[in-house]
Amino acid sequence: CPHELSCPRVAIADGTPCNFPVRHTPFTGTRNRASQEEYFSYIVFKK
């Protein structure tokens, strides 16, 4: 998030972290060549 406030996702009771979907096609050589969707999240640490 581009802010320094507390994460709004933490306030939701399901405990799901912030994430975003990314669609991709599997590498060549795999049987399933259909486009897939994976969810990514990231954490920024400050020293």
N, C-alpha and C. Protein backbone atom coordinates (compact mmCIF):
# COMPACT_ATOMS: atom_id res chain seq x y z
N CYS A 1 0.84 -1.19 0.00
CA CYS A 1 0.00 0.00 0.00
C CYS A 1 0.88 1.25 0.00
N PRO A 2 0.48 2.28 -0.68
CA PRO A 2 1.28 3.51 -0.74
C PRO A 2 0.99 4.46 0.41
N HIS A 3 0.78 3.92 1.60
CA HIS A 3 0.51 4.78 2.76
C HIS A 3 1.14 4.16 4.00
N GLU A 4 1.13 4.88 5.09
CA GLU A 4 1.72 4.38 6.33
C GLU A 4 0.66 4.11 7.39
N LEU A 5 -0.57 3.97 6.98
CA LEU A 5 -1.66 3.65 7.89
C LEU A 5 -1.68 2.14 8.14
N SER A 6 -2.47 1.71 9.12
CA SER A 6 -2.58 0.27 9.34
C SER A 6 -3.28 -0.37 8.15
N CYS A 7 -2.96 -1.61 7.91
CA CYS A 7 -3.50 -2.32 6.75
C CYS A 7 -5.00 -2.55 6.92
N PRO A 8 -5.82 -2.13 5.95
CA PRO A 8 -7.26 -2.34 6.06
C PRO A 8 -7.64 -3.82 6.00
N ARG A 9 -6.81 -4.65 5.41
CA ARG A 9 -7.10 -6.09 5.35
C ARG A 9 -7.00 -6.74 6.72
N VAL A 10 -6.17 -6.20 7.60
CA VAL A 10 -6.03 -6.77 8.94
C VAL A 10 -7.32 -6.62 9.72
N ALA A 11 -8.07 -5.57 9.45
CA ALA A 11 -9.33 -5.33 10.16
C ALA A 11 -10.42 -6.33 9.77
N ILE A 12 -10.27 -7.00 8.63
CA ILE A 12 -11.25 -8.00 8.20
C ILE A 12 -10.98 -9.30 8.96
N ALA A 13 -12.02 -9.90 9.48
CA ALA A 13 -11.89 -11.05 10.37
C ALA A 13 -11.36 -12.32 9.70
N ASP A 14 -11.36 -12.41 8.37
CA ASP A 14 -10.92 -13.66 7.73
C ASP A 14 -9.41 -13.84 7.72
N GLY A 15 -8.64 -12.81 8.03
CA GLY A 15 -7.18 -12.93 8.13
C GLY A 15 -6.45 -13.02 6.80
N THR A 16 -7.13 -12.77 5.70
CA THR A 16 -6.50 -12.81 4.38
C THR A 16 -5.54 -11.64 4.22
N PRO A 17 -4.27 -11.90 3.88
CA PRO A 17 -3.34 -10.79 3.68
C PRO A 17 -3.62 -10.06 2.36
N CYS A 18 -3.07 -8.88 2.22
CA CYS A 18 -3.19 -8.16 0.95
C CYS A 18 -2.55 -9.01 -0.14
N ASN A 19 -3.20 -9.09 -1.27
CA ASN A 19 -2.66 -9.85 -2.39
C ASN A 19 -3.25 -9.32 -3.68
N PHE A 20 -2.67 -9.76 -4.79
CA PHE A 20 -3.17 -9.34 -6.09
C PHE A 20 -3.03 -10.50 -7.07
N PRO A 21 -4.00 -10.66 -7.98
CA PRO A 21 -3.94 -11.77 -8.92
C PRO A 21 -3.05 -11.46 -10.12
N VAL A 22 -2.36 -12.49 -10.61
CA VAL A 22 -1.52 -12.38 -11.81
C VAL A 22 -1.85 -13.58 -12.70
N ARG A 23 -2.22 -13.31 -13.94
CA ARG A 23 -2.50 -14.39 -14.90
C ARG A 23 -1.23 -14.72 -15.66
N HIS A 24 -1.00 -16.02 -15.88
CA HIS A 24 0.19 -16.45 -16.61
C HIS A 24 -0.10 -17.74 -17.34
N THR A 25 0.74 -18.07 -18.30
CA THR A 25 0.67 -19.33 -19.02
C THR A 25 1.82 -20.20 -18.52
N PRO A 26 1.56 -21.45 -18.17
CA PRO A 26 2.62 -22.33 -17.66
C PRO A 26 3.77 -22.48 -18.67
N PHE A 27 4.93 -22.88 -18.17
CA PHE A 27 6.10 -23.09 -19.02
C PHE A 27 5.83 -24.14 -20.08
N THR A 28 6.58 -24.08 -21.17
CA THR A 28 6.49 -25.08 -22.24
C THR A 28 6.85 -26.45 -21.66
N GLY A 29 6.15 -27.46 -22.12
CA GLY A 29 6.43 -28.82 -21.65
C GLY A 29 5.43 -29.31 -20.62
N THR A 30 4.60 -28.44 -20.12
CA THR A 30 3.58 -28.89 -19.18
C THR A 30 2.34 -29.30 -19.97
N ARG A 31 1.57 -30.19 -19.42
CA ARG A 31 0.38 -30.68 -20.11
C ARG A 31 -0.70 -29.62 -20.19
N ASN A 32 -0.91 -28.92 -19.12
CA ASN A 32 -1.99 -27.93 -19.07
C ASN A 32 -1.46 -26.58 -19.55
N ARG A 33 -1.82 -26.19 -20.76
CA ARG A 33 -1.33 -24.93 -21.33
C ARG A 33 -2.33 -23.80 -21.13
N ALA A 34 -3.41 -24.04 -20.41
CA ALA A 34 -4.41 -23.00 -20.17
C ALA A 34 -3.82 -21.93 -19.26
N SER A 35 -4.28 -20.73 -19.44
CA SER A 35 -3.84 -19.62 -18.61
C SER A 35 -4.27 -19.88 -17.17
N GLN A 36 -3.39 -19.56 -16.23
CA GLN A 36 -3.68 -19.77 -14.81
C GLN A 36 -3.59 -18.46 -14.07
N GLU A 37 -4.21 -18.41 -12.91
CA GLU A 37 -4.17 -17.21 -12.08
C GLU A 37 -3.58 -17.58 -10.73
N GLU A 38 -2.58 -16.85 -10.31
CA GLU A 38 -1.95 -17.04 -9.00
C GLU A 38 -2.06 -15.74 -8.23
N TYR A 39 -2.03 -15.83 -6.92
CA TYR A 39 -2.09 -14.64 -6.08
C TYR A 39 -0.73 -14.39 -5.44
N PHE A 40 -0.29 -13.14 -5.49
CA PHE A 40 0.98 -12.74 -4.92
C PHE A 40 0.75 -11.68 -3.86
N SER A 41 1.67 -11.62 -2.93
CA SER A 41 1.67 -10.54 -1.95
C SER A 41 3.13 -10.19 -1.68
N TYR A 42 3.36 -9.05 -1.12
CA TYR A 42 4.72 -8.66 -0.81
C TYR A 42 4.76 -7.89 0.50
N ILE A 43 5.94 -7.89 1.09
CA ILE A 43 6.16 -7.20 2.36
C ILE A 43 7.36 -6.28 2.16
N VAL A 44 7.26 -5.08 2.66
CA VAL A 44 8.36 -4.12 2.59
C VAL A 44 8.88 -3.92 4.01
N PHE A 45 10.17 -4.15 4.19
CA PHE A 45 10.81 -3.94 5.48
C PHE A 45 11.62 -2.66 5.44
N LYS A 46 11.65 -1.97 6.52
CA LYS A 46 12.44 -0.75 6.61
C LYS A 46 13.40 -0.90 7.78
N LYS A 47 14.64 -0.59 7.52
CA LYS A 47 15.66 -0.71 8.55
C LYS A 47 15.67 0.51 9.43
